[in-house]
Amino acid sequence: MLGVRKVCCPAWVPWCAQLVIVPVWSWLTYGALFGGGGRAGLGVTDWALVSFVLIGVSLFLFLAGYRKLPGPVAEDVQGGDN
């Protein structure tokens, strides 16, 4: 028997992901804007690019969590047929 179901991201996932994303972004912001610009300093351009990526990841997670994006379809295969 073949069953089809939509796979969705739970609504709590984007909020829990922010517990990681926001501190990482805060650390990078402090290092890029207020740090001494040491040997491997992150420049403002690189900081803007990383910030854009983190905002995109957060937006994608929130849209997927609140089911505004189409979710993938998973097919369940039951039985021993190949």
N, C-alpha and C. Protein backbone atom coordinates (compact mmCIF):
# COMPACT_ATOMS: atom_id res chain seq x y z
N MET A 1 0.84 -1.18 0.00
CA MET A 1 0.00 0.00 0.00
C MET A 1 0.89 1.24 0.00
N LEU A 2 0.57 2.16 -0.83
CA LEU A 2 1.37 3.36 -0.99
C LEU A 2 0.61 4.55 -0.40
N GLY A 3 1.22 5.23 0.56
CA GLY A 3 0.60 6.39 1.17
C GLY A 3 1.43 7.63 0.89
N VAL A 4 0.76 8.75 0.70
CA VAL A 4 1.45 10.00 0.44
C VAL A 4 1.09 10.98 1.55
N ARG A 5 2.09 11.62 2.11
CA ARG A 5 1.84 12.60 3.15
C ARG A 5 2.79 13.78 2.98
N LYS A 6 2.32 14.95 3.40
CA LYS A 6 3.16 16.15 3.34
C LYS A 6 4.01 16.21 4.60
N VAL A 7 5.26 16.54 4.42
CA VAL A 7 6.18 16.67 5.54
C VAL A 7 6.32 18.16 5.85
N CYS A 8 6.03 18.52 7.09
CA CYS A 8 6.07 19.93 7.49
C CYS A 8 7.05 20.13 8.64
N CYS A 9 7.59 21.31 8.70
CA CYS A 9 8.48 21.70 9.79
C CYS A 9 7.60 22.18 10.95
N PRO A 10 7.81 21.67 12.16
CA PRO A 10 7.01 22.15 13.30
C PRO A 10 7.26 23.64 13.57
N ALA A 11 6.28 24.31 14.16
CA ALA A 11 6.36 25.75 14.39
C ALA A 11 7.42 26.12 15.43
N TRP A 12 7.83 25.19 16.28
CA TRP A 12 8.81 25.51 17.31
C TRP A 12 10.24 25.50 16.78
N VAL A 13 10.47 24.90 15.64
CA VAL A 13 11.83 24.78 15.09
C VAL A 13 12.46 26.14 14.79
N PRO A 14 11.74 27.08 14.12
CA PRO A 14 12.40 28.36 13.86
C PRO A 14 12.75 29.12 15.14
N TRP A 15 11.93 29.00 16.16
CA TRP A 15 12.22 29.70 17.41
C TRP A 15 13.43 29.10 18.11
N CYS A 16 13.54 27.80 18.09
CA CYS A 16 14.72 27.16 18.70
C CYS A 16 15.99 27.44 17.88
N ALA A 17 15.85 27.54 16.57
CA ALA A 17 17.02 27.85 15.74
C ALA A 17 17.53 29.26 16.02
N GLN A 18 16.63 30.16 16.43
CA GLN A 18 17.06 31.52 16.76
C GLN A 18 17.95 31.55 17.99
N LEU A 19 17.83 30.52 18.84
CA LEU A 19 18.71 30.43 20.01
C LEU A 19 20.16 30.21 19.60
N VAL A 20 20.38 29.74 18.38
CA VAL A 20 21.74 29.56 17.86
C VAL A 20 22.11 30.71 16.93
N ILE A 21 21.18 31.12 16.07
CA ILE A 21 21.47 32.10 15.03
C ILE A 21 21.76 33.49 15.63
N VAL A 22 20.95 33.92 16.58
CA VAL A 22 21.12 35.28 17.14
C VAL A 22 22.45 35.43 17.89
N PRO A 23 22.84 34.49 18.76
CA PRO A 23 24.16 34.66 19.40
C PRO A 23 25.32 34.62 18.40
N VAL A 24 25.24 33.78 17.39
CA VAL A 24 26.31 33.73 16.38
C VAL A 24 26.39 35.06 15.65
N TRP A 25 25.22 35.60 15.25
CA TRP A 25 25.21 36.88 14.56
C TRP A 25 25.72 38.00 15.46
N SER A 26 25.35 37.97 16.74
CA SER A 26 25.81 38.99 17.69
C SER A 26 27.33 38.94 17.85
N TRP A 27 27.87 37.74 17.95
CA TRP A 27 29.31 37.57 18.08
C TRP A 27 30.05 38.08 16.83
N LEU A 28 29.51 37.75 15.65
CA LEU A 28 30.12 38.21 14.40
C LEU A 28 30.02 39.73 14.27
N THR A 29 28.90 40.30 14.68
CA THR A 29 28.72 41.75 14.61
C THR A 29 29.70 42.46 15.52
N TYR A 30 29.85 41.96 16.72
CA TYR A 30 30.81 42.56 17.65
C TYR A 30 32.23 42.48 17.08
N GLY A 31 32.58 41.32 16.54
CA GLY A 31 33.93 41.15 16.00
C GLY A 31 34.18 42.00 14.77
N ALA A 32 33.16 42.17 13.92
CA ALA A 32 33.36 42.92 12.67
C ALA A 32 33.31 44.43 12.89
N LEU A 33 32.40 44.89 13.72
CA LEU A 33 32.21 46.33 13.85
C LEU A 33 32.97 46.95 15.02
N PHE A 34 33.15 46.20 16.10
CA PHE A 34 33.76 46.77 17.29
C PHE A 34 35.07 46.10 17.67
N GLY A 35 35.45 45.07 16.95
CA GLY A 35 36.70 44.37 17.25
C GLY A 35 37.89 45.17 16.77
N GLY A 36 39.05 44.71 17.16
CA GLY A 36 40.27 45.40 16.81
C GLY A 36 40.74 45.16 15.38
N GLY A 37 40.05 44.29 14.65
CA GLY A 37 40.50 44.01 13.29
C GLY A 37 41.81 43.25 13.28
N GLY A 38 41.85 42.20 14.07
CA GLY A 38 43.07 41.42 14.23
C GLY A 38 43.49 40.72 12.95
N ARG A 39 44.28 39.70 13.13
CA ARG A 39 44.89 38.99 12.02
C ARG A 39 43.85 38.39 11.06
N ALA A 40 42.77 37.86 11.60
CA ALA A 40 41.74 37.26 10.74
C ALA A 40 40.41 37.99 10.95
N GLY A 41 40.44 39.29 10.94
CA GLY A 41 39.24 40.09 11.17
C GLY A 41 38.24 39.96 10.03
N LEU A 42 36.97 39.95 10.40
CA LEU A 42 35.89 39.89 9.42
C LEU A 42 35.57 41.31 8.99
N GLY A 43 35.70 41.60 7.73
CA GLY A 43 35.43 42.95 7.24
C GLY A 43 33.94 43.25 7.19
N VAL A 44 33.61 44.49 6.96
CA VAL A 44 32.21 44.91 6.93
C VAL A 44 31.48 44.26 5.76
N THR A 45 32.15 44.11 4.63
CA THR A 45 31.51 43.48 3.48
C THR A 45 31.20 42.02 3.77
N ASP A 46 32.15 41.32 4.35
CA ASP A 46 31.92 39.92 4.70
C ASP A 46 30.84 39.80 5.78
N TRP A 47 30.84 40.73 6.73
CA TRP A 47 29.81 40.74 7.77
C TRP A 47 28.42 40.92 7.16
N ALA A 48 28.31 41.82 6.18
CA ALA A 48 27.02 42.05 5.52
C ALA A 48 26.56 40.80 4.78
N LEU A 49 27.49 40.11 4.14
CA LEU A 49 27.15 38.89 3.42
C LEU A 49 26.69 37.79 4.38
N VAL A 50 27.41 37.61 5.48
CA VAL A 50 27.03 36.60 6.47
C VAL A 50 25.69 36.96 7.10
N SER A 51 25.47 38.24 7.36
CA SER A 51 24.19 38.69 7.93
C SER A 51 23.05 38.40 6.96
N PHE A 52 23.27 38.64 5.68
CA PHE A 52 22.25 38.35 4.67
C PHE A 52 21.92 36.86 4.63
N VAL A 53 22.93 36.02 4.72
CA VAL A 53 22.70 34.56 4.72
C VAL A 53 21.94 34.13 5.96
N LEU A 54 22.31 34.65 7.13
CA LEU A 54 21.62 34.28 8.36
C LEU A 54 20.17 34.76 8.36
N ILE A 55 19.91 35.94 7.81
CA ILE A 55 18.53 36.42 7.69
C ILE A 55 17.75 35.53 6.73
N GLY A 56 18.38 35.12 5.64
CA GLY A 56 17.71 34.22 4.70
C GLY A 56 17.37 32.88 5.32
N VAL A 57 18.28 32.32 6.10
CA VAL A 57 18.03 31.04 6.78
C VAL A 57 16.90 31.20 7.78
N SER A 58 16.91 32.29 8.54
CA SER A 58 15.84 32.53 9.52
C SER A 58 14.49 32.69 8.83
N LEU A 59 14.47 33.44 7.74
CA LEU A 59 13.22 33.64 7.00
C LEU A 59 12.70 32.32 6.45
N PHE A 60 13.59 31.51 5.87
CA PHE A 60 13.18 30.21 5.35
C PHE A 60 12.60 29.33 6.45
N LEU A 61 13.25 29.31 7.61
CA LEU A 61 12.75 28.48 8.71
C LEU A 61 11.39 28.95 9.20
N PHE A 62 11.19 30.27 9.31
CA PHE A 62 9.89 30.77 9.75
C PHE A 62 8.80 30.49 8.72
N LEU A 63 9.11 30.66 7.44
CA LEU A 63 8.11 30.38 6.41
C LEU A 63 7.77 28.89 6.37
N ALA A 64 8.76 28.04 6.54
CA ALA A 64 8.50 26.60 6.55
C ALA A 64 7.77 26.18 7.82
N GLY A 65 8.11 26.81 8.94
CA GLY A 65 7.48 26.47 10.21
C GLY A 65 6.02 26.85 10.27
N TYR A 66 5.67 27.95 9.62
CA TYR A 66 4.27 28.39 9.63
C TYR A 66 3.56 28.02 8.34
N ARG A 67 4.14 27.07 7.60
CA ARG A 67 3.55 26.42 6.43
C ARG A 67 3.14 27.40 5.32
N LYS A 68 4.00 28.36 5.08
CA LYS A 68 3.80 29.29 3.96
C LYS A 68 4.57 28.84 2.72
N LEU A 69 5.46 27.87 2.89
CA LEU A 69 6.20 27.28 1.78
C LEU A 69 5.65 25.89 1.52
N PRO A 70 5.64 25.46 0.29
CA PRO A 70 5.19 24.08 0.03
C PRO A 70 6.18 23.07 0.60
N GLY A 71 5.66 22.12 1.33
CA GLY A 71 6.50 21.10 1.93
C GLY A 71 6.74 19.95 0.98
N PRO A 72 7.80 19.20 1.21
CA PRO A 72 8.05 18.03 0.37
C PRO A 72 7.02 16.94 0.63
N VAL A 73 6.83 16.09 -0.33
CA VAL A 73 5.88 14.98 -0.21
C VAL A 73 6.67 13.70 -0.02
N ALA A 74 6.32 12.96 1.03
CA ALA A 74 7.00 11.71 1.32
C ALA A 74 6.06 10.56 0.98
N GLU A 75 6.60 9.57 0.33
CA GLU A 75 5.82 8.40 -0.01
C GLU A 75 6.20 7.27 0.92
N ASP A 76 5.21 6.73 1.60
CA ASP A 76 5.42 5.61 2.50
C ASP A 76 5.16 4.32 1.74
N VAL A 77 6.13 3.45 1.73
CA VAL A 77 5.99 2.16 1.09
C VAL A 77 5.86 1.11 2.18
N GLN A 78 4.77 0.40 2.17
CA GLN A 78 4.55 -0.64 3.16
C GLN A 78 4.48 -1.98 2.42
N GLY A 79 5.01 -2.99 3.04
CA GLY A 79 5.01 -4.31 2.42
C GLY A 79 6.38 -4.65 1.87
N GLY A 80 6.54 -5.90 1.40
CA GLY A 80 7.83 -6.37 0.93
C GLY A 80 7.97 -6.33 -0.57
N ASP A 81 7.11 -5.62 -1.28
CA ASP A 81 7.18 -5.58 -2.73
C ASP A 81 8.29 -4.65 -3.19
N ASN A 82 8.99 -5.02 -4.25
CA ASN A 82 10.03 -4.18 -4.82
C ASN A 82 9.61 -3.69 -6.16
